[in-house]
């Protein structure tokens, strides 16, 4: 080989050595990034699952609140008749008189529904 060929071969060998070092460093960085990607994918999936659970709980709570509101409205509607008492057919001028038993039962039921509603809201 001529002197220029030998110099060219040495230059190429040096470039090859540098390229191998760069490849090795890049592969190491790629491995680190892959590990990070797997970690963050797992964390992301866990957060998605937690978000889904929270949304399910919220929907359940909203449904419970709606159910309790309907029940409360029903009780309020029924209480209007209970507070008036039985109809006085014989005396048309006299209004309905409330019965104490129905009123106290309604008040107890209403307090229970209000407590249940407040408990559902706190969740």
PDB file of N, CA and C in Angstrom:
ATOM      1  N   UNK A   1       0.818  -1.182   0.000  1.00  0.00           N
ATOM      2  CA  UNK A   1       0.000   0.000   0.000  1.00  0.00           C
ATOM      3  C   UNK A   1       0.860   1.244   0.000  1.00  0.00           C
ATOM      4  N   UNK A   2       0.338   2.268  -0.569  1.00  0.00           N
ATOM      5  CA  UNK A   2       1.095   3.517  -0.594  1.00  0.00           C
ATOM      6  C   UNK A   2       0.830   4.253   0.721  1.00  0.00           C
ATOM      7  N   UNK A   3       1.604   5.267   0.920  1.00  0.00           N
ATOM      8  CA  UNK A   3       1.513   6.044   2.160  1.00  0.00           C
ATOM      9  C   UNK A   3       0.157   6.751   2.260  1.00  0.00           C
ATOM     10  N   UNK A   4      -0.364   7.226   1.180  1.00  0.00           N
ATOM     11  CA  UNK A   4      -1.671   7.893   1.195  1.00  0.00           C
ATOM     12  C   UNK A   4      -2.783   6.888   1.461  1.00  0.00           C
ATOM     13  N   UNK A   5      -2.613   5.655   0.933  1.00  0.00           N
ATOM     14  CA  UNK A   5      -3.611   4.619   1.198  1.00  0.00           C
ATOM     15  C   UNK A   5      -3.638   4.256   2.679  1.00  0.00           C
ATOM     16  N   UNK A   6      -2.456   4.141   3.264  1.00  0.00           N
ATOM     17  CA  UNK A   6      -2.358   3.799   4.689  1.00  0.00           C
ATOM     18  C   UNK A   6      -2.977   4.918   5.531  1.00  0.00           C
ATOM     19  N   UNK A   7      -2.704   6.151   5.176  1.00  0.00           N
ATOM     20  CA  UNK A   7      -3.268   7.288   5.907  1.00  0.00           C
ATOM     21  C   UNK A   7      -4.796   7.292   5.762  1.00  0.00           C
ATOM     22  N   UNK A   8      -5.257   6.988   4.558  1.00  0.00           N
ATOM     23  CA  UNK A   8      -6.706   6.963   4.314  1.00  0.00           C
ATOM     24  C   UNK A   8      -7.365   5.832   5.119  1.00  0.00           C
ATOM     25  N   UNK A   9      -6.682   4.673   5.175  1.00  0.00           N
ATOM     26  CA  UNK A   9      -7.188   3.529   5.949  1.00  0.00           C
ATOM     27  C   UNK A   9      -7.262   3.906   7.420  1.00  0.00           C
ATOM     28  N   UNK A  10      -6.233   4.549   7.963  1.00  0.00           N
ATOM     29  CA  UNK A  10      -6.224   4.966   9.371  1.00  0.00           C
ATOM     30  C   UNK A  10      -7.345   5.971   9.649  1.00  0.00           C
ATOM     31  N   UNK A  11      -7.577   6.884   8.708  1.00  0.00           N
ATOM     32  CA  UNK A  11      -8.657   7.865   8.869  1.00  0.00           C
ATOM     33  C   UNK A  11     -10.008   7.154   8.903  1.00  0.00           C
ATOM     34  N   UNK A  12     -10.160   6.206   7.996  1.00  0.00           N
ATOM     35  CA  UNK A  12     -11.414   5.450   7.964  1.00  0.00           C
ATOM     36  C   UNK A  12     -11.601   4.612   9.233  1.00  0.00           C
ATOM     37  N   UNK A  13     -10.508   4.003   9.723  1.00  0.00           N
ATOM     38  CA  UNK A  13     -10.584   3.224  10.961  1.00  0.00           C
ATOM     39  C   UNK A  13     -10.960   4.110  12.148  1.00  0.00           C
ATOM     40  N   UNK A  14     -10.406   5.329  12.208  1.00  0.00           N
ATOM     41  CA  UNK A  14     -10.725   6.278  13.276  1.00  0.00           C
ATOM     42  C   UNK A  14     -12.193   6.706  13.180  1.00  0.00           C
ATOM     43  N   UNK A  15     -12.657   6.960  11.976  1.00  0.00           N
ATOM     44  CA  UNK A  15     -14.061   7.333  11.787  1.00  0.00           C
ATOM     45  C   UNK A  15     -14.974   6.187  12.209  1.00  0.00           C
ATOM     46  N   UNK A  16     -14.582   4.935  11.878  1.00  0.00           N
ATOM     47  CA  UNK A  16     -15.358   3.767  12.272  1.00  0.00           C
ATOM     48  C   UNK A  16     -15.401   3.622  13.796  1.00  0.00           C
ATOM     49  N   UNK A  17     -14.278   3.832  14.473  1.00  0.00           N
ATOM     50  CA  UNK A  17     -14.221   3.755  15.937  1.00  0.00           C
ATOM     51  C   UNK A  17     -15.122   4.818  16.559  1.00  0.00           C
ATOM     52  N   UNK A  18     -15.075   6.025  16.039  1.00  0.00           N
ATOM     53  CA  UNK A  18     -15.911   7.115  16.546  1.00  0.00           C
ATOM     54  C   UNK A  18     -17.393   6.788  16.304  1.00  0.00           C
ATOM     55  N   UNK A  19     -17.698   6.259  15.128  1.00  0.00           N
ATOM     56  CA  UNK A  19     -19.079   5.907  14.806  1.00  0.00           C
ATOM     57  C   UNK A  19     -19.589   4.809  15.747  1.00  0.00           C
ATOM     58  N   UNK A  20     -18.733   3.838  16.089  1.00  0.00           N
ATOM     59  CA  UNK A  20     -19.123   2.782  17.028  1.00  0.00           C
ATOM     60  C   UNK A  20     -19.381   3.354  18.419  1.00  0.00           C
ATOM     61  N   UNK A  21     -18.550   4.291  18.848  1.00  0.00           N
ATOM     62  CA  UNK A  21     -18.754   4.928  20.158  1.00  0.00           C
ATOM     63  C   UNK A  21     -20.072   5.709  20.182  1.00  0.00           C
ATOM     64  N   UNK A  22     -20.318   6.450  19.112  1.00  0.00           N
ATOM     65  CA  UNK A  22     -21.565   7.226  19.027  1.00  0.00           C
ATOM     66  C   UNK A  22     -22.763   6.280  19.025  1.00  0.00           C
ATOM     67  N   UNK A  23     -22.659   5.182  18.279  1.00  0.00           N
ATOM     68  CA  UNK A  23     -23.737   4.200  18.227  1.00  0.00           C
ATOM     69  C   UNK A  23     -23.999   3.614  19.614  1.00  0.00           C
ATOM     70  N   UNK A  24     -22.919   3.289  20.324  1.00  0.00           N
ATOM     71  CA  UNK A  24     -23.058   2.733  21.664  1.00  0.00           C
ATOM     72  C   UNK A  24     -23.746   3.726  22.600  1.00  0.00           C
ATOM     73  N   UNK A  25     -23.340   4.997  22.577  1.00  0.00           N
ATOM     74  CA  UNK A  25     -23.968   6.025  23.423  1.00  0.00           C
ATOM     75  C   UNK A  25     -25.436   6.222  23.053  1.00  0.00           C
ATOM     76  N   UNK A  26     -25.713   6.253  21.757  1.00  0.00           N
ATOM     77  CA  UNK A  26     -27.096   6.429  21.320  1.00  0.00           C
ATOM     78  C   UNK A  26     -27.970   5.248  21.729  1.00  0.00           C
ATOM     79  N   UNK A  27     -27.435   4.036  21.640  1.00  0.00           N
ATOM     80  CA  UNK A  27     -28.190   2.866  22.081  1.00  0.00           C
ATOM     81  C   UNK A  27     -28.471   2.915  23.583  1.00  0.00           C
ATOM     82  N   UNK A  28     -27.488   3.363  24.366  1.00  0.00           N
ATOM     83  CA  UNK A  28     -27.690   3.514  25.805  1.00  0.00           C
ATOM     84  C   UNK A  28     -28.787   4.554  26.093  1.00  0.00           C
ATOM     85  N   UNK A  29     -28.733   5.675  25.408  1.00  0.00           N
ATOM     86  CA  UNK A  29     -29.755   6.702  25.578  1.00  0.00           C
ATOM     87  C   UNK A  29     -31.128   6.181  25.162  1.00  0.00           C
ATOM     88  N   UNK A  30     -31.163   5.415  24.073  1.00  0.00           N
ATOM     89  CA  UNK A  30     -32.418   4.836  23.613  1.00  0.00           C
ATOM     90  C   UNK A  30     -32.994   3.877  24.654  1.00  0.00           C
ATOM     91  N   UNK A  31     -32.140   3.061  25.258  1.00  0.00           N
ATOM     92  CA  UNK A  31     -32.595   2.143  26.312  1.00  0.00           C
ATOM     93  C   UNK A  31     -33.169   2.911  27.499  1.00  0.00           C
ATOM     94  N   UNK A  32     -32.506   3.990  27.897  1.00  0.00           N
ATOM     95  CA  UNK A  32     -32.982   4.813  29.015  1.00  0.00           C
ATOM     96  C   UNK A  32     -34.339   5.429  28.667  1.00  0.00           C
ATOM     97  N   UNK A  33     -34.452   5.946  27.450  1.00  0.00           N
ATOM     98  CA  UNK A  33     -35.719   6.555  27.033  1.00  0.00           C
ATOM     99  C   UNK A  33     -36.836   5.522  26.945  1.00  0.00           C
ATOM    100  N   UNK A  34     -36.530   4.313  26.525  1.00  0.00           N
ATOM    101  CA  UNK A  34     -37.531   3.245  26.476  1.00  0.00           C
ATOM    102  C   UNK A  34     -38.029   2.907  27.883  1.00  0.00           C
ATOM    103  N   UNK A  35     -37.100   2.837  28.838  1.00  0.00           N
ATOM    104  CA  UNK A  35     -37.496   2.574  30.226  1.00  0.00           C
ATOM    105  C   UNK A  35     -38.407   3.688  30.738  1.00  0.00           C
ATOM    106  N   UNK A  36     -38.047   4.930  30.444  1.00  0.00           N
ATOM    107  CA  UNK A  36     -38.875   6.063  30.875  1.00  0.00           C
ATOM    108  C   UNK A  36     -40.249   6.010  30.210  1.00  0.00           C
ATOM    109  N   UNK A  37     -40.265   5.666  28.939  1.00  0.00           N
ATOM    110  CA  UNK A  37     -41.537   5.583  28.218  1.00  0.00           C
ATOM    111  C   UNK A  37     -42.441   4.531  28.843  1.00  0.00           C
ATOM    112  N   UNK A  38     -41.871   3.352  29.156  1.00  0.00           N
ATOM    113  CA  UNK A  38     -42.664   2.303  29.794  1.00  0.00           C
ATOM    114  C   UNK A  38     -43.193   2.763  31.153  1.00  0.00           C
ATOM    115  N   UNK A  39     -42.343   3.440  31.921  1.00  0.00           N
ATOM    116  CA  UNK A  39     -42.764   3.940  33.228  1.00  0.00           C
ATOM    117  C   UNK A  39     -43.932   4.915  33.085  1.00  0.00           C
ATOM    118  N   UNK A  40     -43.793   5.883  32.171  1.00  0.00           N
ATOM    119  CA  UNK A  40     -44.834   6.890  32.020  1.00  0.00           C
ATOM    120  C   UNK A  40     -46.113   6.324  31.399  1.00  0.00           C
ATOM    121  N   UNK A  41     -45.980   5.321  30.542  1.00  0.00           N
ATOM    122  CA  UNK A  41     -47.174   4.660  30.015  1.00  0.00           C
ATOM    123  C   UNK A  41     -47.940   3.971  31.146  1.00  0.00           C
ATOM    124  N   UNK A  42     -47.198   3.313  32.035  1.00  0.00           N
ATOM    125  CA  UNK A  42     -47.838   2.663  33.186  1.00  0.00           C
ATOM    126  C   UNK A  42     -48.514   3.683  34.093  1.00  0.00           C
ATOM    127  N   UNK A  43     -47.811   4.791  34.367  1.00  0.00           N
ATOM    128  CA  UNK A  43     -48.389   5.842  35.202  1.00  0.00           C
ATOM    129  C   UNK A  43     -49.619   6.443  34.525  1.00  0.00           C
ATOM    130  N   UNK A  44     -49.540   6.636  33.222  1.00  0.00           N
ATOM    131  CA  UNK A  44     -50.671   7.187  32.468  1.00  0.00           C
ATOM    132  C   UNK A  44     -51.880   6.251  32.536  1.00  0.00           C
ATOM    133  N   UNK A  45     -51.637   4.955  32.370  1.00  0.00           N
ATOM    134  CA  UNK A  45     -52.741   3.989  32.447  1.00  0.00           C
ATOM    135  C   UNK A  45     -53.357   3.961  33.838  1.00  0.00           C
ATOM    136  N   UNK A  46     -52.511   4.056  34.858  1.00  0.00           N
ATOM    137  CA  UNK A  46     -53.017   4.078  36.232  1.00  0.00           C
ATOM    138  C   UNK A  46     -53.884   5.315  36.461  1.00  0.00           C
ATOM    139  N   UNK A  47     -53.430   6.459  35.968  1.00  0.00           N
ATOM    140  CA  UNK A  47     -54.213   7.688  36.113  1.00  0.00           C
ATOM    141  C   UNK A  47     -55.524   7.609  35.332  1.00  0.00           C
ATOM    142  N   UNK A  48     -55.486   6.991  34.159  1.00  0.00           N
ATOM    143  CA  UNK A  48     -56.725   6.811  33.385  1.00  0.00           C
ATOM    144  C   UNK A  48     -57.718   5.958  34.159  1.00  0.00           C
ATOM    145  N   UNK A  49     -57.210   4.877  34.779  1.00  0.00           N
ATOM    146  CA  UNK A  49     -58.082   4.007  35.568  1.00  0.00           C
ATOM    147  C   UNK A  49     -58.679   4.766  36.752  1.00  0.00           C
ATOM    148  N   UNK A  50     -57.843   5.547  37.458  1.00  0.00           N
ATOM    149  CA  UNK A  50     -58.324   6.332  38.595  1.00  0.00           C
ATOM    150  C   UNK A  50     -59.355   7.365  38.138  1.00  0.00           C
ATOM    151  N   UNK A  51     -59.101   7.987  37.003  1.00  0.00           N
ATOM    152  CA  UNK A  51     -60.048   8.964  36.459  1.00  0.00           C
ATOM    153  C   UNK A  51     -61.385   8.297  36.145  1.00  0.00           C
ATOM    154  N   UNK A  52     -61.336   7.105  35.544  1.00  0.00           N
ATOM    155  CA  UNK A  52     -62.561   6.381  35.233  1.00  0.00           C
ATOM    156  C   UNK A  52     -63.326   6.044  36.505  1.00  0.00           C
ATOM    157  N   UNK A  53     -62.608   5.604  37.545  1.00  0.00           N
ATOM    158  CA  UNK A  53     -63.265   5.303  38.815  1.00  0.00           C
ATOM    159  C   UNK A  53     -63.922   6.546  39.403  1.00  0.00           C
ATOM    160  N   UNK A  54     -63.213   7.662  39.353  1.00  0.00           N
ATOM    161  CA  UNK A  54     -63.765   8.917  39.877  1.00  0.00           C
ATOM    162  C   UNK A  54     -65.004   9.332  39.086  1.00  0.00           C
ATOM    163  N   UNK A  55     -64.955   9.185  37.784  1.00  0.00           N
ATOM    164  CA  UNK A  55     -66.110   9.536  36.966  1.00  0.00           C
ATOM    165  C   UNK A  55     -67.296   8.625  37.281  1.00  0.00           C
ATOM    166  N   UNK A  56     -67.019   7.339  37.477  1.00  0.00           N
ATOM    167  CA  UNK A  56     -68.089   6.404  37.832  1.00  0.00           C
ATOM    168  C   UNK A  56     -68.698   6.772  39.183  1.00  0.00           C
ATOM    169  N   UNK A  57     -67.844   7.128  40.153  1.00  0.00           N
ATOM    170  CA  UNK A  57     -68.345   7.534  41.471  1.00  0.00           C
ATOM    171  C   UNK A  57     -69.171   8.808  41.362  1.00  0.00           C
ATOM    172  N   UNK A  58     -68.705   9.748  40.541  1.00  0.00           N
ATOM    173  CA  UNK A  58     -69.436  11.009  40.367  1.00  0.00           C
ATOM    174  C   UNK A  58     -70.812  10.737  39.770  1.00  0.00           C
ATOM    175  N   UNK A  59     -70.847   9.895  38.746  1.00  0.00           N
ATOM    176  CA  UNK A  59     -72.122   9.568  38.105  1.00  0.00           C
ATOM    177  C   UNK A  59     -73.046   8.873  39.102  1.00  0.00           C
ATOM    178  N   UNK A  60     -72.495   7.934  39.873  1.00  0.00           N
ATOM    179  CA  UNK A  60     -73.294   7.250  40.882  1.00  0.00           C
ATOM    180  C   UNK A  60     -73.827   8.233  41.906  1.00  0.00           C
ATOM    181  N   UNK A  61     -72.976   9.154  42.351  1.00  0.00           N
ATOM    182  CA  UNK A  61     -73.406  10.155  43.326  1.00  0.00           C
ATOM    183  C   UNK A  61     -74.475  11.069  42.743  1.00  0.00           C
ATOM    184  N   UNK A  62     -74.290  11.490  41.509  1.00  0.00           N
ATOM    185  CA  UNK A  62     -75.291  12.346  40.866  1.00  0.00           C
ATOM    186  C   UNK A  62     -76.630  11.611  40.737  1.00  0.00           C
ATOM    187  N   UNK A  63     -76.565  10.339  40.382  1.00  0.00           N
ATOM    188  CA  UNK A  63     -77.798   9.552  40.277  1.00  0.00           C
ATOM    189  C   UNK A  63     -78.475   9.421  41.639  1.00  0.00           C
ATOM    190  N   UNK A  64     -77.670   9.206  42.677  1.00  0.00           N
ATOM    191  CA  UNK A  64     -78.220   9.100  44.026  1.00  0.00           C
ATOM    192  C   UNK A  64     -78.847  10.419  44.457  1.00  0.00           C
ATOM    193  N   UNK A  65     -78.175  11.530  44.155  1.00  0.00           N
ATOM    194  CA  UNK A  65     -78.722  12.848  44.490  1.00  0.00           C
ATOM    195  C   UNK A  65     -80.034  13.071  43.740  1.00  0.00           C
ATOM    196  N   UNK A  66     -80.059  12.730  42.469  1.00  0.00           N
ATOM    197  CA  UNK A  66     -81.296  12.878  41.693  1.00  0.00           C
ATOM    198  C   UNK A  66     -82.417  12.018  42.276  1.00  0.00           C
ATOM    199  N   UNK A  67     -82.082  10.789  42.641  1.00  0.00           N
ATOM    200  CA  UNK A  67     -83.085   9.902  43.227  1.00  0.00           C
ATOM    201  C   UNK A  67     -83.615  10.487  44.533  1.00  0.00           C
ATOM    202  N   UNK A  68     -82.699  11.000  45.365  1.00  0.00           N
ATOM    203  CA  UNK A  68     -83.120  11.586  46.636  1.00  0.00           C
ATOM    204  C   UNK A  68     -83.938  12.859  46.429  1.00  0.00           C
ATOM    205  N   UNK A  69     -83.595  13.634  45.421  1.00  0.00           N
ATOM    206  CA  UNK A  69     -84.383  14.830  45.127  1.00  0.00           C
ATOM    207  C   UNK A  69     -85.808  14.455  44.720  1.00  0.00           C
ATOM    208  N   UNK A  70     -85.908  13.443  43.866  1.00  0.00           N
ATOM    209  CA  UNK A  70     -87.236  12.981  43.465  1.00  0.00           C
ATOM    210  C   UNK A  70     -88.028  12.470  44.665  1.00  0.00           C
ATOM    211  N   UNK A  71     -87.336  11.721  45.514  1.00  0.00           N
ATOM    212  CA  UNK A  71     -88.008  11.206  46.704  1.00  0.00           C
ATOM    213  C   UNK A  71     -88.436  12.344  47.623  1.00  0.00           C
ATOM    214  N   UNK A  72     -87.581  13.335  47.770  1.00  0.00           N
ATOM    215  CA  UNK A  72     -87.914  14.494  48.595  1.00  0.00           C
ATOM    216  C   UNK A  72     -89.089  15.258  47.995  1.00  0.00           C
ATOM    217  N   UNK A  73     -89.073  15.461  46.686  1.00  0.00           N
ATOM    218  CA  UNK A  73     -90.198  16.139  46.037  1.00  0.00           C
ATOM    219  C   UNK A  73     -91.491  15.359  46.241  1.00  0.00           C
ATOM    220  N   UNK A  74     -91.398  14.042  46.126  1.00  0.00           N
ATOM    221  CA  UNK A  74     -92.577  13.208  46.330  1.00  0.00           C
ATOM    222  C   UNK A  74     -93.093  13.361  47.755  1.00  0.00           C
ATOM    223  N   UNK A  75     -92.152  13.333  48.717  1.00  0.00           N
ATOM    224  CA  UNK A  75     -92.562  13.479  50.113  1.00  0.00           C
ATOM    225  C   UNK A  75     -93.155  14.861  50.373  1.00  0.00           C
ATOM    226  N   UNK A  76     -92.580  15.881  49.763  1.00  0.00           N
ATOM    227  CA  UNK A  76     -93.143  17.222  49.925  1.00  0.00           C
ATOM    228  C   UNK A  76     -94.555  17.281  49.364  1.00  0.00           C
ATOM    229  N   UNK A  77     -94.742  16.675  48.202  1.00  0.00           N
ATOM    230  CA  UNK A  77     -96.060  16.663  47.573  1.00  0.00           C
ATOM    231  C   UNK A  77     -97.057  15.919  48.458  1.00  0.00           C
ATOM    232  N   UNK A  78     -96.636  14.764  48.958  1.00  0.00           N
ATOM    233  CA  UNK A  78     -97.520  13.984  49.827  1.00  0.00           C
ATOM    234  C   UNK A  78     -97.802  14.712  51.133  1.00  0.00           C
ATOM    235  N   UNK A  79     -96.807  15.464  51.619  1.00  0.00           N
ATOM    236  CA  UNK A  79     -96.985  16.150  52.896  1.00  0.00           C
ATOM    237  C   UNK A  79     -98.018  17.263  52.788  1.00  0.00           C
ATOM    238  N   UNK A  80     -98.172  17.812  51.624  1.00  0.00           N
ATOM    239  CA  UNK A  80     -99.174  18.865  51.447  1.00  0.00           C
ATOM    240  C   UNK A  80    -100.561  18.329  51.794  1.00  0.00           C
ATOM    241  N   UNK A  81    -100.823  17.096  51.393  1.00  0.00           N
ATOM    242  CA  UNK A  81    -102.120  16.488  51.697  1.00  0.00           C
ATOM    243  C   UNK A  81    -102.177  16.040  53.152  1.00  0.00           C
ATOM    244  N   UNK A  82    -101.051  15.546  53.685  1.00  0.00           N
ATOM    245  CA  UNK A  82    -101.036  15.068  55.064  1.00  0.00           C
ATOM    246  C   UNK A  82    -101.200  16.230  56.041  1.00  0.00           C
ATOM    247  N   UNK A  83    -100.586  17.372  55.732  1.00  0.00           N
ATOM    248  CA  UNK A  83    -100.672  18.533  56.624  1.00  0.00           C
ATOM    249  C   UNK A  83    -102.091  19.099  56.645  1.00  0.00           C
ATOM    250  N   UNK A  84    -102.811  18.952  55.558  1.00  0.00           N
ATOM    251  CA  UNK A  84    -104.175  19.473  55.486  1.00  0.00           C
ATOM    252  C   UNK A  84    -105.144  18.580  56.253  1.00  0.00           C
ATOM    253  N   UNK A  85    -104.790  17.337  56.406  1.00  0.00           N
ATOM    254  CA  UNK A  85    -105.647  16.407  57.136  1.00  0.00           C
ATOM    255  C   UNK A  85    -106.773  15.899  56.259  1.00  0.00           C
ATOM    256  N   UNK A  86    -107.682  15.133  56.849  1.00  0.00           N
ATOM    257  CA  UNK A  86    -108.793  14.597  56.067  1.00  0.00           C
ATOM    258  C   UNK A  86    -109.753  15.705  55.660  1.00  0.00           C
ATOM    259  N   UNK A  87    -110.449  15.464  54.591  1.00  0.00           N
ATOM    260  CA  UNK A  87    -111.413  16.445  54.102  1.00  0.00           C
ATOM    261  C   UNK A  87    -112.599  16.543  55.060  1.00  0.00           C
ATOM    262  N   UNK A  88    -113.044  17.753  55.286  1.00  0.00           N
ATOM    263  CA  UNK A  88    -114.218  17.992  56.126  1.00  0.00           C
ATOM    264  C   UNK A  88    -115.423  18.127  55.205  1.00  0.00           C
ATOM    265  N   UNK A  89    -116.110  17.051  54.958  1.00  0.00           N
ATOM    266  CA  UNK A  89    -117.225  17.050  54.020  1.00  0.00           C
ATOM    267  C   UNK A  89    -118.442  17.751  54.633  1.00  0.00           C
ATOM    268  N   UNK A  90    -118.655  17.592  55.917  1.00  0.00           N
ATOM    269  CA  UNK A  90    -119.860  18.145  56.544  1.00  0.00           C
ATOM    270  C   UNK A  90    -119.801  19.662  56.666  1.00  0.00           C
ATOM    271  N   UNK A  91    -118.637  20.214  56.937  1.00  0.00           N
ATOM    272  CA  UNK A  91    -118.521  21.668  57.109  1.00  0.00           C
ATOM    273  C   UNK A  91    -117.676  22.220  55.983  1.00  0.00           C
ATOM    274  N   UNK A  92    -118.276  22.808  54.989  1.00  0.00           N
ATOM    275  CA  UNK A  92    -117.558  23.281  53.818  1.00  0.00           C
ATOM    276  C   UNK A  92    -116.725  24.517  54.106  1.00  0.00           C
ATOM    277  N   UNK A  93    -117.055  25.295  55.116  1.00  0.00           N
ATOM    278  CA  UNK A  93    -116.307  26.513  55.430  1.00  0.00           C
ATOM    279  C   UNK A  93    -115.007  26.202  56.175  1.00  0.00           C
ATOM    280  N   UNK A  94    -114.978  25.135  56.921  1.00  0.00           N
ATOM    281  CA  UNK A  94    -113.778  24.797  57.693  1.00  0.00           C
ATOM    282  C   UNK A  94    -112.748  24.164  56.762  1.00  0.00           C
ATOM    283  N   UNK A  95    -111.501  24.508  56.959  1.00  0.00           N
ATOM    284  CA  UNK A  95    -110.422  23.940  56.148  1.00  0.00           C
ATOM    285  C   UNK A  95    -110.043  22.572  56.651  1.00  0.00           C
ATOM    286  N   UNK A  96    -109.077  22.048  56.089  1.00  0.00           N
ATOM    287  CA  UNK A  96    -108.576  20.756  56.537  1.00  0.00           C
ATOM    288  C   UNK A  96    -107.753  20.961  57.792  1.00  0.00           C
ATOM    289  N   UNK A  97    -107.813  20.045  58.697  1.00  0.00           N
ATOM    290  CA  UNK A  97    -107.028  20.143  59.931  1.00  0.00           C
ATOM    291  C   UNK A  97    -105.926  19.105  59.871  1.00  0.00           C
ATOM    292  N   UNK A  98    -104.710  19.521  60.134  1.00  0.00           N
ATOM    293  CA  UNK A  98    -103.604  18.561  60.061  1.00  0.00           C
ATOM    294  C   UNK A  98    -103.672  17.551  61.191  1.00  0.00           C
ATOM    295  N   UNK A  99    -103.251  16.345  60.861  1.00  0.00           N
ATOM    296  CA  UNK A  99    -103.159  15.316  61.881  1.00  0.00           C
ATOM    297  C   UNK A  99    -101.726  15.279  62.375  1.00  0.00           C
ATOM    298  N   UNK A 100    -101.541  15.240  63.695  1.00  0.00           N
ATOM    299  CA  UNK A 100    -100.192  15.348  64.263  1.00  0.00           C
ATOM    300  C   UNK A 100     -99.355  14.122  63.955  1.00  0.00           C
ATOM    301  N   UNK A 101     -99.938  12.951  63.883  1.00  0.00           N
ATOM    302  CA  UNK A 101     -99.166  11.736  63.618  1.00  0.00           C
ATOM    303  C   UNK A 101     -98.548  11.757  62.234  1.00  0.00           C
ATOM    304  N   UNK A 102     -99.332  12.143  61.234  1.00  0.00           N
ATOM    305  CA  UNK A 102     -98.818  12.188  59.865  1.00  0.00           C
ATOM    306  C   UNK A 102     -97.761  13.264  59.722  1.00  0.00           C
ATOM    307  N   UNK A 103     -97.962  14.400  60.392  1.00  0.00           N
ATOM    308  CA  UNK A 103     -97.002  15.497  60.302  1.00  0.00           C
ATOM    309  C   UNK A 103     -95.663  15.110  60.913  1.00  0.00           C
ATOM    310  N   UNK A 104     -95.695  14.470  62.078  1.00  0.00           N
ATOM    311  CA  UNK A 104     -94.433  14.095  62.721  1.00  0.00           C
ATOM    312  C   UNK A 104     -93.732  13.000  61.929  1.00  0.00           C
ATOM    313  N   UNK A 105     -94.487  12.075  61.342  1.00  0.00           N
ATOM    314  CA  UNK A 105     -93.885  11.030  60.517  1.00  0.00           C
ATOM    315  C   UNK A 105     -93.239  11.644  59.287  1.00  0.00           C
ATOM    316  N   UNK A 106     -93.947  12.586  58.687  1.00  0.00           N
ATOM    317  CA  UNK A 106     -93.386  13.248  57.526  1.00  0.00           C
ATOM    318  C   UNK A 106     -92.115  14.007  57.888  1.00  0.00           C
ATOM    319  N   UNK A 107     -92.135  14.724  58.989  1.00  0.00           N
ATOM    320  CA  UNK A 107     -90.959  15.501  59.397  1.00  0.00           C
ATOM    321  C   UNK A 107     -89.774  14.579  59.616  1.00  0.00           C
ATOM    322  N   UNK A 108     -90.003  13.434  60.238  1.00  0.00           N
ATOM    323  CA  UNK A 108     -88.920  12.475  60.469  1.00  0.00           C
ATOM    324  C   UNK A 108     -88.377  11.966  59.138  1.00  0.00           C
ATOM    325  N   UNK A 109     -89.280  11.577  58.233  1.00  0.00           N
ATOM    326  CA  UNK A 109     -88.846  11.078  56.926  1.00  0.00           C
ATOM    327  C   UNK A 109     -88.116  12.162  56.147  1.00  0.00           C
ATOM    328  N   UNK A 110     -88.618  13.385  56.230  1.00  0.00           N
ATOM    329  CA  UNK A 110     -87.985  14.486  55.512  1.00  0.00           C
ATOM    330  C   UNK A 110     -86.576  14.727  56.053  1.00  0.00           C
ATOM    331  N   UNK A 111     -86.394  14.700  57.358  1.00  0.00           N
ATOM    332  CA  UNK A 111     -85.062  14.877  57.949  1.00  0.00           C
ATOM    333  C   UNK A 111     -84.120  13.770  57.514  1.00  0.00           C
ATOM    334  N   UNK A 112     -84.611  12.539  57.441  1.00  0.00           N
ATOM    335  CA  UNK A 112     -83.775  11.418  56.999  1.00  0.00           C
ATOM    336  C   UNK A 112     -83.335  11.604  55.551  1.00  0.00           C
ATOM    337  N   UNK A 113     -84.258  12.029  54.702  1.00  0.00           N
ATOM    338  CA  UNK A 113     -83.928  12.242  53.291  1.00  0.00           C
ATOM    339  C   UNK A 113     -82.931  13.383  53.147  1.00  0.00           C
ATOM    340  N   UNK A 114     -83.115  14.453  53.921  1.00  0.00           N
ATOM    341  CA  UNK A 114     -82.187  15.588  53.847  1.00  0.00           C
ATOM    342  C   UNK A 114     -80.800  15.151  54.298  1.00  0.00           C
ATOM    343  N   UNK A 115     -80.720  14.350  55.380  1.00  0.00           N
ATOM    344  CA  UNK A 115     -79.416  13.858  55.837  1.00  0.00           C
ATOM    345  C   UNK A 115     -78.761  12.974  54.768  1.00  0.00           C
ATOM    346  N   UNK A 116     -79.548  12.121  54.153  1.00  0.00           N
ATOM    347  CA  UNK A 116     -79.008  11.240  53.098  1.00  0.00           C
ATOM    348  C   UNK A 116     -78.520  12.062  51.919  1.00  0.00           C
ATOM    349  N   UNK A 117     -79.251  13.105  51.567  1.00  0.00           N
ATOM    350  CA  UNK A 117     -78.854  13.990  50.481  1.00  0.00           C
ATOM    351  C   UNK A 117     -77.541  14.696  50.808  1.00  0.00           C
ATOM    352  N   UNK A 118     -77.423  15.180  52.010  1.00  0.00           N
ATOM    353  CA  UNK A 118     -76.182  15.874  52.414  1.00  0.00           C
ATOM    354  C   UNK A 118     -75.015  14.899  52.440  1.00  0.00           C
ATOM    355  N   UNK A 119     -75.249  13.688  52.891  1.00  0.00           N
ATOM    356  CA  UNK A 119     -74.180  12.676  52.899  1.00  0.00           C
ATOM    357  C   UNK A 119     -73.727  12.366  51.482  1.00  0.00           C
ATOM    358  N   UNK A 120     -74.681  12.252  50.564  1.00  0.00           N
ATOM    359  CA  UNK A 120     -74.340  11.963  49.158  1.00  0.00           C
ATOM    360  C   UNK A 120     -73.563  13.123  48.553  1.00  0.00           C
ATOM    361  N   UNK A 121     -73.909  14.347  48.903  1.00  0.00           N
ATOM    362  CA  UNK A 121     -73.185  15.505  48.370  1.00  0.00           C
ATOM    363  C   UNK A 121     -71.761  15.541  48.883  1.00  0.00           C
ATOM    364  N   UNK A 122     -71.551  15.147  50.135  1.00  0.00           N
ATOM    365  CA  UNK A 122     -70.214  15.167  50.728  1.00  0.00           C
ATOM    366  C   UNK A 122     -69.290  14.166  50.051  1.00  0.00           C
ATOM    367  N   UNK A 123     -69.834  13.084  49.539  1.00  0.00           N
ATOM    368  CA  UNK A 123     -69.013  12.094  48.842  1.00  0.00           C
ATOM    369  C   UNK A 123     -68.546  12.674  47.555  1.00  0.00           C
TER     370      UNK A 123
END
